[in-house]
């Protein structure tokens, strides 16, 4: 696997493409409306991540990084959800996304994520 991810930012659409293995066939998993995870299910690894409305995702909030619920996980089979969570918590994805949990009172825990710093040439 390529150790250094390839970052490609499209300013017009405000989309950041992060490729770990360019050109490899992948299954797209919509984590939420703004984050698409591309994985190789058979080999249980990440191929890439696409961030839509990237400037919104990367924008700092008053108290640290913004967090976003991973609502797309609710629509996955238990097996696929387990695989996606495993990939999200492992390098290289964990180097870009921070995974945590929000637990509202009397409710199921909701996985949430926030972006780590990305190269300044992109964030610029």
PDB file of N, CA and C in Angstrom:
ATOM      1  N   UNK A   1       0.849  -1.183   0.000  1.00  0.00           N
ATOM      2  CA  UNK A   1       0.000   0.000   0.000  1.00  0.00           C
ATOM      3  C   UNK A   1       0.892   1.244   0.000  1.00  0.00           C
ATOM      4  N   UNK A   2       0.463   2.234  -0.746  1.00  0.00           N
ATOM      5  CA  UNK A   2       1.183   3.501  -0.801  1.00  0.00           C
ATOM      6  C   UNK A   2       1.165   4.145   0.584  1.00  0.00           C
ATOM      7  N   UNK A   3       2.351   4.415   1.131  1.00  0.00           N
ATOM      8  CA  UNK A   3       2.425   4.954   2.486  1.00  0.00           C
ATOM      9  C   UNK A   3       1.990   6.427   2.554  1.00  0.00           C
ATOM     10  N   UNK A   4       2.213   7.187   1.468  1.00  0.00           N
ATOM     11  CA  UNK A   4       1.847   8.592   1.449  1.00  0.00           C
ATOM     12  C   UNK A   4       0.581   8.771   0.630  1.00  0.00           C
ATOM     13  N   UNK A   5      -0.503   9.268   1.242  1.00  0.00           N
ATOM     14  CA  UNK A   5      -1.736   9.455   0.475  1.00  0.00           C
ATOM     15  C   UNK A   5      -1.574  10.553  -0.568  1.00  0.00           C
ATOM     16  N   UNK A   6      -2.314  10.427  -1.644  1.00  0.00           N
ATOM     17  CA  UNK A   6      -2.328  11.418  -2.704  1.00  0.00           C
ATOM     18  C   UNK A   6      -3.540  12.320  -2.473  1.00  0.00           C
ATOM     19  N   UNK A   7      -3.302  13.624  -2.206  1.00  0.00           N
ATOM     20  CA  UNK A   7      -4.374  14.586  -1.973  1.00  0.00           C
ATOM     21  C   UNK A   7      -4.635  15.364  -3.250  1.00  0.00           C
ATOM     22  N   UNK A   8      -5.921  15.486  -3.631  1.00  0.00           N
ATOM     23  CA  UNK A   8      -6.288  16.248  -4.807  1.00  0.00           C
ATOM     24  C   UNK A   8      -7.517  17.084  -4.445  1.00  0.00           C
ATOM     25  N   UNK A   9      -7.341  18.403  -4.402  1.00  0.00           N
ATOM     26  CA  UNK A   9      -8.427  19.298  -4.002  1.00  0.00           C
ATOM     27  C   UNK A   9      -8.974  20.025  -5.217  1.00  0.00           C
ATOM     28  N   UNK A  10     -10.294  19.958  -5.418  1.00  0.00           N
ATOM     29  CA  UNK A  10     -10.968  20.688  -6.484  1.00  0.00           C
ATOM     30  C   UNK A  10     -11.666  21.891  -5.861  1.00  0.00           C
ATOM     31  N   UNK A  11     -11.077  23.060  -6.085  1.00  0.00           N
ATOM     32  CA  UNK A  11     -11.576  24.284  -5.449  1.00  0.00           C
ATOM     33  C   UNK A  11     -12.989  24.648  -5.922  1.00  0.00           C
ATOM     34  N   UNK A  12     -13.288  24.405  -7.190  1.00  0.00           N
ATOM     35  CA  UNK A  12     -14.602  24.785  -7.742  1.00  0.00           C
ATOM     36  C   UNK A  12     -15.722  24.015  -7.043  1.00  0.00           C
ATOM     37  N   UNK A  13     -15.550  22.705  -6.877  1.00  0.00           N
ATOM     38  CA  UNK A  13     -16.597  21.902  -6.217  1.00  0.00           C
ATOM     39  C   UNK A  13     -16.369  21.779  -4.718  1.00  0.00           C
ATOM     40  N   UNK A  14     -15.245  22.320  -4.211  1.00  0.00           N
ATOM     41  CA  UNK A  14     -14.876  22.232  -2.793  1.00  0.00           C
ATOM     42  C   UNK A  14     -14.859  20.770  -2.340  1.00  0.00           C
ATOM     43  N   UNK A  15     -14.174  19.944  -3.146  1.00  0.00           N
ATOM     44  CA  UNK A  15     -14.086  18.511  -2.882  1.00  0.00           C
ATOM     45  C   UNK A  15     -12.626  18.112  -2.725  1.00  0.00           C
ATOM     46  N   UNK A  16     -12.329  17.374  -1.663  1.00  0.00           N
ATOM     47  CA  UNK A  16     -10.989  16.839  -1.445  1.00  0.00           C
ATOM     48  C   UNK A  16     -11.023  15.335  -1.677  1.00  0.00           C
ATOM     49  N   UNK A  17     -10.178  14.881  -2.593  1.00  0.00           N
ATOM     50  CA  UNK A  17     -10.032  13.463  -2.880  1.00  0.00           C
ATOM     51  C   UNK A  17      -8.726  12.992  -2.236  1.00  0.00           C
ATOM     52  N   UNK A  18      -8.806  11.941  -1.438  1.00  0.00           N
ATOM     53  CA  UNK A  18      -7.618  11.360  -0.828  1.00  0.00           C
ATOM     54  C   UNK A  18      -7.527   9.922  -1.338  1.00  0.00           C
ATOM     55  N   UNK A  19      -6.447   9.628  -2.059  1.00  0.00           N
ATOM     56  CA  UNK A  19      -6.260   8.285  -2.620  1.00  0.00           C
ATOM     57  C   UNK A  19      -5.087   7.602  -1.946  1.00  0.00           C
ATOM     58  N   UNK A  20      -5.326   6.385  -1.496  1.00  0.00           N
ATOM     59  CA  UNK A  20      -4.269   5.577  -0.906  1.00  0.00           C
ATOM     60  C   UNK A  20      -3.752   4.581  -1.936  1.00  0.00           C
ATOM     61  N   UNK A  21      -4.643   4.127  -2.817  1.00  0.00           N
ATOM     62  CA  UNK A  21      -4.274   3.201  -3.880  1.00  0.00           C
ATOM     63  C   UNK A  21      -5.009   3.618  -5.153  1.00  0.00           C
ATOM     64  N   UNK A  22      -4.490   4.641  -5.854  1.00  0.00           N
ATOM     65  CA  UNK A  22      -5.151   5.130  -7.065  1.00  0.00           C
ATOM     66  C   UNK A  22      -5.339   4.029  -8.099  1.00  0.00           C
ATOM     67  N   UNK A  23      -6.501   4.056  -8.746  1.00  0.00           N
ATOM     68  CA  UNK A  23      -6.780   3.111  -9.820  1.00  0.00           C
ATOM     69  C   UNK A  23      -7.310   1.767  -9.393  1.00  0.00           C
ATOM     70  N   UNK A  24      -7.379   1.495  -8.094  1.00  0.00           N
ATOM     71  CA  UNK A  24      -7.875   0.204  -7.607  1.00  0.00           C
ATOM     72  C   UNK A  24      -9.395   0.248  -7.493  1.00  0.00           C
ATOM     73  N   UNK A  25     -10.069  -0.824  -7.957  1.00  0.00           N
ATOM     74  CA  UNK A  25     -11.523  -0.922  -7.848  1.00  0.00           C
ATOM     75  C   UNK A  25     -11.937  -0.838  -6.383  1.00  0.00           C
ATOM     76  N   UNK A  26     -13.038  -0.121  -6.116  1.00  0.00           N
ATOM     77  CA  UNK A  26     -13.454   0.054  -4.731  1.00  0.00           C
ATOM     78  C   UNK A  26     -14.973   0.125  -4.626  1.00  0.00           C
ATOM     79  N   UNK A  27     -15.461  -0.167  -3.441  1.00  0.00           N
ATOM     80  CA  UNK A  27     -16.869  -0.022  -3.097  1.00  0.00           C
ATOM     81  C   UNK A  27     -17.012   1.274  -2.311  1.00  0.00           C
ATOM     82  N   UNK A  28     -17.944   2.122  -2.724  1.00  0.00           N
ATOM     83  CA  UNK A  28     -18.179   3.379  -2.026  1.00  0.00           C
ATOM     84  C   UNK A  28     -19.139   3.194  -0.867  1.00  0.00           C
ATOM     85  N   UNK A  29     -18.753   3.693   0.290  1.00  0.00           N
ATOM     86  CA  UNK A  29     -19.592   3.655   1.488  1.00  0.00           C
ATOM     87  C   UNK A  29     -19.836   5.098   1.902  1.00  0.00           C
ATOM     88  N   UNK A  30     -21.084   5.535   1.835  1.00  0.00           N
ATOM     89  CA  UNK A  30     -21.418   6.905   2.224  1.00  0.00           C
ATOM     90  C   UNK A  30     -21.514   6.973   3.741  1.00  0.00           C
ATOM     91  N   UNK A  31     -20.498   7.584   4.378  1.00  0.00           N
ATOM     92  CA  UNK A  31     -20.502   7.692   5.836  1.00  0.00           C
ATOM     93  C   UNK A  31     -21.514   8.740   6.295  1.00  0.00           C
ATOM     94  N   UNK A  32     -21.642   9.803   5.520  1.00  0.00           N
ATOM     95  CA  UNK A  32     -22.678  10.815   5.690  1.00  0.00           C
ATOM     96  C   UNK A  32     -22.754  11.585   4.376  1.00  0.00           C
ATOM     97  N   UNK A  33     -23.503  12.690   4.329  1.00  0.00           N
ATOM     98  CA  UNK A  33     -23.661  13.430   3.077  1.00  0.00           C
ATOM     99  C   UNK A  33     -22.364  14.049   2.579  1.00  0.00           C
ATOM    100  N   UNK A  34     -21.335  14.144   3.431  1.00  0.00           N
ATOM    101  CA  UNK A  34     -20.101  14.827   3.065  1.00  0.00           C
ATOM    102  C   UNK A  34     -18.877  13.931   2.959  1.00  0.00           C
ATOM    103  N   UNK A  35     -18.971  12.685   3.391  1.00  0.00           N
ATOM    104  CA  UNK A  35     -17.783  11.819   3.414  1.00  0.00           C
ATOM    105  C   UNK A  35     -18.111  10.475   2.759  1.00  0.00           C
ATOM    106  N   UNK A  36     -17.344  10.167   1.705  1.00  0.00           N
ATOM    107  CA  UNK A  36     -17.481   8.893   0.999  1.00  0.00           C
ATOM    108  C   UNK A  36     -16.200   8.099   1.192  1.00  0.00           C
ATOM    109  N   UNK A  37     -16.310   6.933   1.805  1.00  0.00           N
ATOM    110  CA  UNK A  37     -15.174   6.048   2.035  1.00  0.00           C
ATOM    111  C   UNK A  37     -15.163   5.022   0.917  1.00  0.00           C
ATOM    112  N   UNK A  38     -14.010   4.851   0.266  1.00  0.00           N
ATOM    113  CA  UNK A  38     -13.885   3.849  -0.784  1.00  0.00           C
ATOM    114  C   UNK A  38     -13.007   2.723  -0.253  1.00  0.00           C
ATOM    115  N   UNK A  39     -13.561   1.507  -0.254  1.00  0.00           N
ATOM    116  CA  UNK A  39     -12.850   0.371   0.341  1.00  0.00           C
ATOM    117  C   UNK A  39     -12.793  -0.818  -0.613  1.00  0.00           C
ATOM    118  N   UNK A  40     -11.829  -1.684  -0.358  1.00  0.00           N
ATOM    119  CA  UNK A  40     -11.711  -2.988  -1.002  1.00  0.00           C
ATOM    120  C   UNK A  40     -12.232  -3.972   0.042  1.00  0.00           C
ATOM    121  N   UNK A  41     -13.495  -4.384  -0.126  1.00  0.00           N
ATOM    122  CA  UNK A  41     -14.120  -5.252   0.878  1.00  0.00           C
ATOM    123  C   UNK A  41     -13.409  -6.590   0.999  1.00  0.00           C
ATOM    124  N   UNK A  42     -13.013  -7.159  -0.124  1.00  0.00           N
ATOM    125  CA  UNK A  42     -12.388  -8.486  -0.119  1.00  0.00           C
ATOM    126  C   UNK A  42     -11.084  -8.486   0.674  1.00  0.00           C
ATOM    127  N   UNK A  43     -10.269  -7.443   0.490  1.00  0.00           N
ATOM    128  CA  UNK A  43      -8.978  -7.370   1.182  1.00  0.00           C
ATOM    129  C   UNK A  43      -9.031  -6.536   2.463  1.00  0.00           C
ATOM    130  N   UNK A  44     -10.239  -6.054   2.799  1.00  0.00           N
ATOM    131  CA  UNK A  44     -10.482  -5.338   4.048  1.00  0.00           C
ATOM    132  C   UNK A  44      -9.543  -4.138   4.230  1.00  0.00           C
ATOM    133  N   UNK A  45      -9.476  -3.276   3.189  1.00  0.00           N
ATOM    134  CA  UNK A  45      -8.606  -2.101   3.293  1.00  0.00           C
ATOM    135  C   UNK A  45      -9.208  -0.895   2.577  1.00  0.00           C
ATOM    136  N   UNK A  46      -8.712   0.267   2.953  1.00  0.00           N
ATOM    137  CA  UNK A  46      -9.182   1.513   2.371  1.00  0.00           C
ATOM    138  C   UNK A  46      -8.481   1.758   1.034  1.00  0.00           C
ATOM    139  N   UNK A  47      -9.228   2.323   0.089  1.00  0.00           N
ATOM    140  CA  UNK A  47      -8.682   2.717  -1.202  1.00  0.00           C
ATOM    141  C   UNK A  47      -8.601   4.242  -1.270  1.00  0.00           C
ATOM    142  N   UNK A  48      -9.616   4.907  -0.702  1.00  0.00           N
ATOM    143  CA  UNK A  48      -9.608   6.366  -0.705  1.00  0.00           C
ATOM    144  C   UNK A  48     -10.769   6.937   0.083  1.00  0.00           C
ATOM    145  N   UNK A  49     -10.753   8.265   0.223  1.00  0.00           N
ATOM    146  CA  UNK A  49     -11.828   8.988   0.910  1.00  0.00           C
ATOM    147  C   UNK A  49     -12.096  10.253   0.105  1.00  0.00           C
ATOM    148  N   UNK A  50     -13.366  10.580  -0.063  1.00  0.00           N
ATOM    149  CA  UNK A  50     -13.749  11.821  -0.727  1.00  0.00           C
ATOM    150  C   UNK A  50     -14.515  12.668   0.274  1.00  0.00           C
ATOM    151  N   UNK A  51     -14.124  13.945   0.382  1.00  0.00           N
ATOM    152  CA  UNK A  51     -14.785  14.894   1.274  1.00  0.00           C
ATOM    153  C   UNK A  51     -15.493  15.949   0.432  1.00  0.00           C
ATOM    154  N   UNK A  52     -16.820  15.971   0.478  1.00  0.00           N
ATOM    155  CA  UNK A  52     -17.606  16.976  -0.228  1.00  0.00           C
ATOM    156  C   UNK A  52     -17.819  18.168   0.710  1.00  0.00           C
ATOM    157  N   UNK A  53     -17.877  19.389   0.164  1.00  0.00           N
ATOM    158  CA  UNK A  53     -17.964  20.606   0.991  1.00  0.00           C
ATOM    159  C   UNK A  53     -16.821  20.602   2.000  1.00  0.00           C
ATOM    160  N   UNK A  54     -15.630  20.342   1.504  1.00  0.00           N
ATOM    161  CA  UNK A  54     -14.451  20.180   2.355  1.00  0.00           C
ATOM    162  C   UNK A  54     -14.215  21.371   3.279  1.00  0.00           C
ATOM    163  N   UNK A  55     -14.381  22.589   2.775  1.00  0.00           N
ATOM    164  CA  UNK A  55     -14.090  23.763   3.608  1.00  0.00           C
ATOM    165  C   UNK A  55     -14.987  23.798   4.841  1.00  0.00           C
ATOM    166  N   UNK A  56     -16.220  23.309   4.729  1.00  0.00           N
ATOM    167  CA  UNK A  56     -17.117  23.221   5.884  1.00  0.00           C
ATOM    168  C   UNK A  56     -16.607  22.180   6.874  1.00  0.00           C
ATOM    169  N   UNK A  57     -16.185  21.031   6.374  1.00  0.00           N
ATOM    170  CA  UNK A  57     -15.689  19.960   7.241  1.00  0.00           C
ATOM    171  C   UNK A  57     -14.425  20.372   7.986  1.00  0.00           C
ATOM    172  N   UNK A  58     -13.558  21.134   7.311  1.00  0.00           N
ATOM    173  CA  UNK A  58     -12.270  21.504   7.892  1.00  0.00           C
ATOM    174  C   UNK A  58     -12.346  22.747   8.770  1.00  0.00           C
ATOM    175  N   UNK A  59     -13.458  23.450   8.717  1.00  0.00           N
ATOM    176  CA  UNK A  59     -13.617  24.692   9.476  1.00  0.00           C
ATOM    177  C   UNK A  59     -13.582  24.410  10.979  1.00  0.00           C
ATOM    178  N   UNK A  60     -12.825  25.215  11.700  1.00  0.00           N
ATOM    179  CA  UNK A  60     -12.743  25.040  13.153  1.00  0.00           C
ATOM    180  C   UNK A  60     -13.995  25.614  13.823  1.00  0.00           C
ATOM    181  N   UNK A  61     -14.412  24.961  14.877  1.00  0.00           N
ATOM    182  CA  UNK A  61     -15.539  25.429  15.684  1.00  0.00           C
ATOM    183  C   UNK A  61     -14.976  26.175  16.893  1.00  0.00           C
ATOM    184  N   UNK A  62     -15.846  26.726  17.708  1.00  0.00           N
ATOM    185  CA  UNK A  62     -15.406  27.461  18.890  1.00  0.00           C
ATOM    186  C   UNK A  62     -14.612  26.594  19.861  1.00  0.00           C
ATOM    187  N   UNK A  63     -14.954  25.319  19.937  1.00  0.00           N
ATOM    188  CA  UNK A  63     -14.312  24.432  20.912  1.00  0.00           C
ATOM    189  C   UNK A  63     -13.687  23.230  20.212  1.00  0.00           C
ATOM    190  N   UNK A  64     -12.694  23.473  19.381  1.00  0.00           N
ATOM    191  CA  UNK A  64     -12.000  22.377  18.707  1.00  0.00           C
ATOM    192  C   UNK A  64     -12.590  22.076  17.344  1.00  0.00           C
ATOM    193  N   UNK A  65     -12.202  20.944  16.771  1.00  0.00           N
ATOM    194  CA  UNK A  65     -12.664  20.604  15.422  1.00  0.00           C
ATOM    195  C   UNK A  65     -14.155  20.273  15.404  1.00  0.00           C
ATOM    196  N   UNK A  66     -14.779  20.539  14.273  1.00  0.00           N
ATOM    197  CA  UNK A  66     -16.188  20.174  14.103  1.00  0.00           C
ATOM    198  C   UNK A  66     -16.301  18.653  14.014  1.00  0.00           C
ATOM    199  N   UNK A  67     -17.386  18.128  14.546  1.00  0.00           N
ATOM    200  CA  UNK A  67     -17.648  16.695  14.463  1.00  0.00           C
ATOM    201  C   UNK A  67     -18.902  16.467  13.642  1.00  0.00           C
ATOM    202  N   UNK A  68     -18.934  15.340  12.955  1.00  0.00           N
ATOM    203  CA  UNK A  68     -20.042  15.016  12.071  1.00  0.00           C
ATOM    204  C   UNK A  68     -20.502  13.597  12.335  1.00  0.00           C
ATOM    205  N   UNK A  69     -21.821  13.394  12.487  1.00  0.00           N
ATOM    206  CA  UNK A  69     -22.322  12.039  12.714  1.00  0.00           C
ATOM    207  C   UNK A  69     -22.141  11.175  11.468  1.00  0.00           C
ATOM    208  N   UNK A  70     -21.810   9.933  11.674  1.00  0.00           N
ATOM    209  CA  UNK A  70     -21.636   8.982  10.580  1.00  0.00           C
ATOM    210  C   UNK A  70     -22.960   8.242  10.368  1.00  0.00           C
ATOM    211  N   UNK A  71     -23.957   8.981   9.916  1.00  0.00           N
ATOM    212  CA  UNK A  71     -25.312   8.455   9.760  1.00  0.00           C
ATOM    213  C   UNK A  71     -25.397   7.318   8.753  1.00  0.00           C
ATOM    214  N   UNK A  72     -24.481   7.267   7.804  1.00  0.00           N
ATOM    215  CA  UNK A  72     -24.492   6.205   6.803  1.00  0.00           C
ATOM    216  C   UNK A  72     -24.245   4.831   7.385  1.00  0.00           C
ATOM    217  N   UNK A  73     -23.600   4.759   8.544  1.00  0.00           N
ATOM    218  CA  UNK A  73     -23.333   3.465   9.161  1.00  0.00           C
ATOM    219  C   UNK A  73     -24.613   2.750   9.576  1.00  0.00           C
ATOM    220  N   UNK A  74     -25.658   3.518   9.842  1.00  0.00           N
ATOM    221  CA  UNK A  74     -26.927   2.931  10.281  1.00  0.00           C
ATOM    222  C   UNK A  74     -27.569   2.071   9.201  1.00  0.00           C
ATOM    223  N   UNK A  75     -27.209   2.326   7.934  1.00  0.00           N
ATOM    224  CA  UNK A  75     -27.842   1.629   6.817  1.00  0.00           C
ATOM    225  C   UNK A  75     -27.037   0.426   6.331  1.00  0.00           C
ATOM    226  N   UNK A  76     -25.941   0.123   7.000  1.00  0.00           N
ATOM    227  CA  UNK A  76     -25.084  -0.982   6.586  1.00  0.00           C
ATOM    228  C   UNK A  76     -25.435  -2.262   7.332  1.00  0.00           C
ATOM    229  N   UNK A  77     -25.104  -3.393   6.728  1.00  0.00           N
ATOM    230  CA  UNK A  77     -25.269  -4.662   7.429  1.00  0.00           C
ATOM    231  C   UNK A  77     -24.295  -4.664   8.605  1.00  0.00           C
ATOM    232  N   UNK A  78     -24.551  -5.498   9.591  1.00  0.00           N
ATOM    233  CA  UNK A  78     -23.683  -5.559  10.775  1.00  0.00           C
ATOM    234  C   UNK A  78     -22.253  -5.901  10.374  1.00  0.00           C
ATOM    235  N   UNK A  79     -22.099  -6.826   9.426  1.00  0.00           N
ATOM    236  CA  UNK A  79     -20.769  -7.247   8.986  1.00  0.00           C
ATOM    237  C   UNK A  79     -20.027  -6.098   8.290  1.00  0.00           C
ATOM    238  N   UNK A  80     -20.704  -5.395   7.396  1.00  0.00           N
ATOM    239  CA  UNK A  80     -20.076  -4.290   6.679  1.00  0.00           C
ATOM    240  C   UNK A  80     -19.785  -3.123   7.626  1.00  0.00           C
ATOM    241  N   UNK A  81     -20.688  -2.881   8.550  1.00  0.00           N
ATOM    242  CA  UNK A  81     -20.467  -1.813   9.526  1.00  0.00           C
ATOM    243  C   UNK A  81     -19.218  -2.098  10.362  1.00  0.00           C
ATOM    244  N   UNK A  82     -19.056  -3.346  10.794  1.00  0.00           N
ATOM    245  CA  UNK A  82     -17.881  -3.746  11.570  1.00  0.00           C
ATOM    246  C   UNK A  82     -16.603  -3.522  10.757  1.00  0.00           C
ATOM    247  N   UNK A  83     -16.622  -3.883   9.472  1.00  0.00           N
ATOM    248  CA  UNK A  83     -15.462  -3.680   8.604  1.00  0.00           C
ATOM    249  C   UNK A  83     -15.145  -2.191   8.458  1.00  0.00           C
ATOM    250  N   UNK A  84     -16.165  -1.369   8.223  1.00  0.00           N
ATOM    251  CA  UNK A  84     -15.963   0.071   8.052  1.00  0.00           C
ATOM    252  C   UNK A  84     -15.386   0.679   9.331  1.00  0.00           C
ATOM    253  N   UNK A  85     -15.918   0.323  10.480  1.00  0.00           N
ATOM    254  CA  UNK A  85     -15.395   0.854  11.746  1.00  0.00           C
ATOM    255  C   UNK A  85     -13.945   0.420  11.970  1.00  0.00           C
ATOM    256  N   UNK A  86     -13.631  -0.812  11.597  1.00  0.00           N
ATOM    257  CA  UNK A  86     -12.247  -1.306  11.703  1.00  0.00           C
ATOM    258  C   UNK A  86     -11.316  -0.458  10.819  1.00  0.00           C
ATOM    259  N   UNK A  87     -11.743  -0.176   9.598  1.00  0.00           N
ATOM    260  CA  UNK A  87     -10.938   0.632   8.671  1.00  0.00           C
ATOM    261  C   UNK A  87     -10.797   2.065   9.184  1.00  0.00           C
ATOM    262  N   UNK A  88     -11.888   2.627   9.720  1.00  0.00           N
ATOM    263  CA  UNK A  88     -11.851   4.002  10.222  1.00  0.00           C
ATOM    264  C   UNK A  88     -10.900   4.165  11.408  1.00  0.00           C
ATOM    265  N   UNK A  89     -10.727   3.105  12.188  1.00  0.00           N
ATOM    266  CA  UNK A  89      -9.890   3.178  13.382  1.00  0.00           C
ATOM    267  C   UNK A  89      -8.441   2.775  13.124  1.00  0.00           C
ATOM    268  N   UNK A  90      -8.128   2.432  11.874  1.00  0.00           N
ATOM    269  CA  UNK A  90      -6.781   1.982  11.528  1.00  0.00           C
ATOM    270  C   UNK A  90      -6.087   2.997  10.633  1.00  0.00           C
ATOM    271  N   UNK A  91      -4.753   2.959  10.660  1.00  0.00           N
ATOM    272  CA  UNK A  91      -3.974   3.767   9.732  1.00  0.00           C
ATOM    273  C   UNK A  91      -4.189   3.181   8.338  1.00  0.00           C
ATOM    274  N   UNK A  92      -4.288   3.972   7.306  1.00  0.00           N
ATOM    275  CA  UNK A  92      -4.023   5.400   7.206  1.00  0.00           C
ATOM    276  C   UNK A  92      -5.239   6.299   7.458  1.00  0.00           C
ATOM    277  N   UNK A  93      -6.440   5.722   7.554  1.00  0.00           N
ATOM    278  CA  UNK A  93      -7.631   6.565   7.738  1.00  0.00           C
ATOM    279  C   UNK A  93      -7.583   7.306   9.066  1.00  0.00           C
ATOM    280  N   UNK A  94      -7.137   6.637  10.117  1.00  0.00           N
ATOM    281  CA  UNK A  94      -7.082   7.262  11.440  1.00  0.00           C
ATOM    282  C   UNK A  94      -6.104   8.437  11.481  1.00  0.00           C
ATOM    283  N   UNK A  95      -5.213   8.521  10.489  1.00  0.00           N
ATOM    284  CA  UNK A  95      -4.302   9.661  10.405  1.00  0.00           C
ATOM    285  C   UNK A  95      -5.011  10.908   9.876  1.00  0.00           C
ATOM    286  N   UNK A  96      -6.172  10.709   9.242  1.00  0.00           N
ATOM    287  CA  UNK A  96      -6.915  11.820   8.635  1.00  0.00           C
ATOM    288  C   UNK A  96      -8.202  12.109   9.395  1.00  0.00           C
ATOM    289  N   UNK A  97      -8.881  11.063   9.828  1.00  0.00           N
ATOM    290  CA  UNK A  97     -10.147  11.205  10.552  1.00  0.00           C
ATOM    291  C   UNK A  97      -9.999  10.728  11.984  1.00  0.00           C
ATOM    292  N   UNK A  98     -10.625  11.450  12.891  1.00  0.00           N
ATOM    293  CA  UNK A  98     -10.651  11.054  14.287  1.00  0.00           C
ATOM    294  C   UNK A  98     -12.050  10.518  14.579  1.00  0.00           C
ATOM    295  N   UNK A  99     -12.135   9.313  15.083  1.00  0.00           N
ATOM    296  CA  UNK A  99     -13.423   8.683  15.359  1.00  0.00           C
ATOM    297  C   UNK A  99     -13.724   8.762  16.849  1.00  0.00           C
ATOM    298  N   UNK A 100     -14.945   9.140  17.185  1.00  0.00           N
ATOM    299  CA  UNK A 100     -15.374   9.163  18.579  1.00  0.00           C
ATOM    300  C   UNK A 100     -16.864   8.854  18.622  1.00  0.00           C
ATOM    301  N   UNK A 101     -17.465   8.971  19.789  1.00  0.00           N
ATOM    302  CA  UNK A 101     -18.869   8.605  19.961  1.00  0.00           C
ATOM    303  C   UNK A 101     -19.619   9.706  20.676  1.00  0.00           C
ATOM    304  N   UNK A 102     -20.830   9.951  20.220  1.00  0.00           N
ATOM    305  CA  UNK A 102     -21.755  10.848  20.901  1.00  0.00           C
ATOM    306  C   UNK A 102     -22.886   9.967  21.412  1.00  0.00           C
ATOM    307  N   UNK A 103     -23.184  10.070  22.699  1.00  0.00           N
ATOM    308  CA  UNK A 103     -24.240   9.247  23.277  1.00  0.00           C
ATOM    309  C   UNK A 103     -25.309  10.131  23.908  1.00  0.00           C
ATOM    310  N   UNK A 104     -26.389  10.395  23.169  1.00  0.00           N
ATOM    311  CA  UNK A 104     -27.478  11.161  23.762  1.00  0.00           C
ATOM    312  C   UNK A 104     -28.142  10.335  24.872  1.00  0.00           C
ATOM    313  N   UNK A 105     -28.780  10.986  25.809  1.00  0.00           N
ATOM    314  CA  UNK A 105     -29.448  10.279  26.902  1.00  0.00           C
ATOM    315  C   UNK A 105     -30.476   9.291  26.353  1.00  0.00           C
ATOM    316  N   UNK A 106     -30.513   8.121  26.942  1.00  0.00           N
ATOM    317  CA  UNK A 106     -31.498   7.079  26.612  1.00  0.00           C
ATOM    318  C   UNK A 106     -31.524   6.740  25.133  1.00  0.00           C
ATOM    319  N   UNK A 107     -30.372   6.670  24.514  1.00  0.00           N
ATOM    320  CA  UNK A 107     -30.327   6.392  23.095  1.00  0.00           C
ATOM    321  C   UNK A 107     -29.081   5.579  22.763  1.00  0.00           C
ATOM    322  N   UNK A 108     -29.063   5.037  21.551  1.00  0.00           N
ATOM    323  CA  UNK A 108     -27.906   4.303  21.066  1.00  0.00           C
ATOM    324  C   UNK A 108     -26.749   5.269  20.822  1.00  0.00           C
ATOM    325  N   UNK A 109     -25.516   4.856  21.079  1.00  0.00           N
ATOM    326  CA  UNK A 109     -24.371   5.712  20.764  1.00  0.00           C
ATOM    327  C   UNK A 109     -24.290   5.960  19.259  1.00  0.00           C
ATOM    328  N   UNK A 110     -23.875   7.157  18.879  1.00  0.00           N
ATOM    329  CA  UNK A 110     -23.757   7.541  17.478  1.00  0.00           C
ATOM    330  C   UNK A 110     -22.286   7.785  17.169  1.00  0.00           C
ATOM    331  N   UNK A 111     -21.699   7.025  16.214  1.00  0.00           N
ATOM    332  CA  UNK A 111     -20.308   7.297  15.842  1.00  0.00           C
ATOM    333  C   UNK A 111     -20.213   8.669  15.184  1.00  0.00           C
ATOM    334  N   UNK A 112     -19.203   9.446  15.562  1.00  0.00           N
ATOM    335  CA  UNK A 112     -18.973  10.750  14.954  1.00  0.00           C
ATOM    336  C   UNK A 112     -17.507  10.845  14.544  1.00  0.00           C
ATOM    337  N   UNK A 113     -17.202  11.783  13.657  1.00  0.00           N
ATOM    338  CA  UNK A 113     -15.827  11.941  13.205  1.00  0.00           C
ATOM    339  C   UNK A 113     -15.485  13.404  13.052  1.00  0.00           C
ATOM    340  N   UNK A 114     -14.200  13.694  13.070  1.00  0.00           N
ATOM    341  CA  UNK A 114     -13.691  15.033  12.775  1.00  0.00           C
ATOM    342  C   UNK A 114     -12.394  14.862  12.005  1.00  0.00           C
ATOM    343  N   UNK A 115     -12.039  15.888  11.249  1.00  0.00           N
ATOM    344  CA  UNK A 115     -10.830  15.846  10.422  1.00  0.00           C
ATOM    345  C   UNK A 115      -9.614  16.264  11.218  1.00  0.00           C
ATOM    346  N   UNK A 116      -8.505  15.573  10.990  1.00  0.00           N
ATOM    347  CA  UNK A 116      -7.216  16.023  11.496  1.00  0.00           C
ATOM    348  C   UNK A 116      -6.709  17.078  10.530  1.00  0.00           C
ATOM    349  N   UNK A 117      -5.577  17.677  10.847  1.00  0.00           N
ATOM    350  CA  UNK A 117      -4.957  18.629   9.930  1.00  0.00           C
ATOM    351  C   UNK A 117      -4.578  17.920   8.636  1.00  0.00           C
ATOM    352  N   UNK A 118      -4.768  18.608   7.526  1.00  0.00           N
ATOM    353  CA  UNK A 118      -4.330  18.097   6.231  1.00  0.00           C
ATOM    354  C   UNK A 118      -3.236  19.047   5.732  1.00  0.00           C
ATOM    355  N   UNK A 119      -2.513  18.661   4.705  1.00  0.00           N
ATOM    356  CA  UNK A 119      -1.433  19.530   4.235  1.00  0.00           C
ATOM    357  C   UNK A 119      -1.915  20.956   3.982  1.00  0.00           C
ATOM    358  N   UNK A 120      -1.121  21.933   4.397  1.00  0.00           N
ATOM    359  CA  UNK A 120      -1.536  23.336   4.313  1.00  0.00           C
ATOM    360  C   UNK A 120      -1.748  23.787   2.871  1.00  0.00           C
ATOM    361  N   UNK A 121      -1.113  23.156   1.912  1.00  0.00           N
ATOM    362  CA  UNK A 121      -1.314  23.537   0.529  1.00  0.00           C
ATOM    363  C   UNK A 121      -2.759  23.302   0.098  1.00  0.00           C
ATOM    364  N   UNK A 122      -3.415  22.343   0.719  1.00  0.00           N
ATOM    365  CA  UNK A 122      -4.807  22.047   0.391  1.00  0.00           C
ATOM    366  C   UNK A 122      -5.731  22.930   1.196  1.00  0.00           C
ATOM    367  N   UNK A 123      -5.452  23.041   2.490  1.00  0.00           N
ATOM    368  CA  UNK A 123      -6.323  23.798   3.376  1.00  0.00           C
ATOM    369  C   UNK A 123      -6.313  25.288   3.016  1.00  0.00           C
ATOM    370  N   UNK A 124      -5.223  25.761   2.373  1.00  0.00           N
ATOM    371  CA  UNK A 124      -5.040  27.148   2.033  1.00  0.00           C
ATOM    372  C   UNK A 124      -6.236  27.781   1.516  1.00  0.00           C
TER     373      UNK A 124
END
